[in-house]
């Protein structure tokens, strides 16, 4: 399997689980926070201190940028 195949496989599995949890009336904010903590913990275990700090700074920068964008409906 290629990395792209694995990405799609994992993405679909996680989405299926998230949808099931939402259907089971689990608060989506709880689901999102658990996913975020799990992702951060995994990144922390795989990256050096410098890589992790750089990665998290980039995440924060993009988050701030996204919240400042105006949405037109």
C-alpha atoms as a PDB file:
ATOM      1  CA  UNK A   1       0.000   0.000   0.000  1.00  0.00           C
ATOM      2  CA  UNK A   2       1.201   3.517  -0.768  1.00  0.00           C
ATOM      3  CA  UNK A   3       1.209   6.378   1.718  1.00  0.00           C
ATOM      4  CA  UNK A   4      -1.740   7.873  -0.174  1.00  0.00           C
ATOM      5  CA  UNK A   5      -3.668   4.605   0.157  1.00  0.00           C
ATOM      6  CA  UNK A   6      -2.905   4.489   3.868  1.00  0.00           C
ATOM      7  CA  UNK A   7      -3.971   8.121   4.285  1.00  0.00           C
ATOM      8  CA  UNK A   8      -7.330   7.429   2.649  1.00  0.00           C
ATOM      9  CA  UNK A   9      -7.808   4.246   4.686  1.00  0.00           C
ATOM     10  CA  UNK A  10      -7.080   5.996   7.994  1.00  0.00           C
ATOM     11  CA  UNK A  11      -9.112   9.075   7.060  1.00  0.00           C
ATOM     12  CA  UNK A  12     -12.177   6.995   6.211  1.00  0.00           C
ATOM     13  CA  UNK A  13     -11.847   4.907   9.386  1.00  0.00           C
ATOM     14  CA  UNK A  14     -11.563   8.006  11.589  1.00  0.00           C
ATOM     15  CA  UNK A  15     -14.478   9.713   9.820  1.00  0.00           C
ATOM     16  CA  UNK A  16     -16.613   6.596  10.278  1.00  0.00           C
ATOM     17  CA  UNK A  17     -15.793   6.546  13.991  1.00  0.00           C
ATOM     18  CA  UNK A  18     -16.459  10.278  14.396  1.00  0.00           C
ATOM     19  CA  UNK A  19     -19.838   9.985  12.667  1.00  0.00           C
ATOM     20  CA  UNK A  20     -20.768   7.021  14.878  1.00  0.00           C
ATOM     21  CA  UNK A  21     -19.810   8.929  18.017  1.00  0.00           C
ATOM     22  CA  UNK A  22     -21.853  11.947  16.892  1.00  0.00           C
ATOM     23  CA  UNK A  23     -24.785   9.611  16.169  1.00  0.00           C
ATOM     24  CA  UNK A  24     -24.320   8.259  19.715  1.00  0.00           C
ATOM     25  CA  UNK A  25     -24.846  11.837  20.986  1.00  0.00           C
ATOM     26  CA  UNK A  26     -21.231  12.396  22.000  1.00  0.00           C
ATOM     27  CA  UNK A  27     -20.471  16.124  22.063  1.00  0.00           C
ATOM     28  CA  UNK A  28     -18.485  16.967  18.905  1.00  0.00           C
ATOM     29  CA  UNK A  29     -16.228  19.230  20.989  1.00  0.00           C
ATOM     30  CA  UNK A  30     -15.285  16.228  23.131  1.00  0.00           C
ATOM     31  CA  UNK A  31     -14.537  14.202  20.003  1.00  0.00           C
ATOM     32  CA  UNK A  32     -12.443  17.020  18.519  1.00  0.00           C
ATOM     33  CA  UNK A  33     -10.487  17.530  21.730  1.00  0.00           C
ATOM     34  CA  UNK A  34      -9.658  13.828  22.025  1.00  0.00           C
ATOM     35  CA  UNK A  35      -8.539  13.727  18.394  1.00  0.00           C
ATOM     36  CA  UNK A  36      -6.413  16.864  18.891  1.00  0.00           C
ATOM     37  CA  UNK A  37      -4.740  15.518  22.021  1.00  0.00           C
ATOM     38  CA  UNK A  38      -4.114  12.167  20.348  1.00  0.00           C
ATOM     39  CA  UNK A  39      -2.584  13.838  17.296  1.00  0.00           C
ATOM     40  CA  UNK A  40      -0.412  16.138  19.393  1.00  0.00           C
ATOM     41  CA  UNK A  41       0.789  13.237  21.527  1.00  0.00           C
ATOM     42  CA  UNK A  42       1.670  11.221  18.433  1.00  0.00           C
ATOM     43  CA  UNK A  43       3.526  14.136  16.831  1.00  0.00           C
ATOM     44  CA  UNK A  44       5.347  14.720  20.135  1.00  0.00           C
ATOM     45  CA  UNK A  45       6.584  11.132  20.158  1.00  0.00           C
ATOM     46  CA  UNK A  46       7.763  11.225  16.531  1.00  0.00           C
ATOM     47  CA  UNK A  47       9.400  14.645  16.223  1.00  0.00           C
ATOM     48  CA  UNK A  48      12.414  16.227  17.847  1.00  0.00           C
ATOM     49  CA  UNK A  49      11.771  19.071  20.300  1.00  0.00           C
ATOM     50  CA  UNK A  50      12.673  21.622  17.625  1.00  0.00           C
ATOM     51  CA  UNK A  51      10.490  19.981  14.967  1.00  0.00           C
ATOM     52  CA  UNK A  52       7.551  19.712  17.358  1.00  0.00           C
ATOM     53  CA  UNK A  53       7.793  23.338  18.460  1.00  0.00           C
ATOM     54  CA  UNK A  54       8.060  24.480  14.849  1.00  0.00           C
ATOM     55  CA  UNK A  55       5.110  22.321  13.845  1.00  0.00           C
ATOM     56  CA  UNK A  56       2.903  23.561  16.697  1.00  0.00           C
ATOM     57  CA  UNK A  57       3.872  27.196  15.976  1.00  0.00           C
ATOM     58  CA  UNK A  58       2.768  26.634  12.381  1.00  0.00           C
ATOM     59  CA  UNK A  59      -0.536  25.129  13.531  1.00  0.00           C
ATOM     60  CA  UNK A  60      -1.179  28.110  15.796  1.00  0.00           C
ATOM     61  CA  UNK A  61      -0.240  30.591  13.068  1.00  0.00           C
ATOM     62  CA  UNK A  62      -2.614  28.945  10.569  1.00  0.00           C
ATOM     63  CA  UNK A  63      -5.401  28.761  13.173  1.00  0.00           C
ATOM     64  CA  UNK A  64      -5.141  32.469  13.884  1.00  0.00           C
ATOM     65  CA  UNK A  65      -5.034  33.228  10.157  1.00  0.00           C
ATOM     66  CA  UNK A  66      -8.197  31.154   9.581  1.00  0.00           C
ATOM     67  CA  UNK A  67     -10.125  32.852  12.389  1.00  0.00           C
ATOM     68  CA  UNK A  68      -9.306  36.289  10.976  1.00  0.00           C
ATOM     69  CA  UNK A  69     -10.743  35.454   7.537  1.00  0.00           C
ATOM     70  CA  UNK A  70     -14.156  36.858   6.829  1.00  0.00           C
ATOM     71  CA  UNK A  71     -16.819  34.411   5.756  1.00  0.00           C
ATOM     72  CA  UNK A  72     -19.429  35.492   3.259  1.00  0.00           C
ATOM     73  CA  UNK A  73     -22.519  33.346   2.870  1.00  0.00           C
END
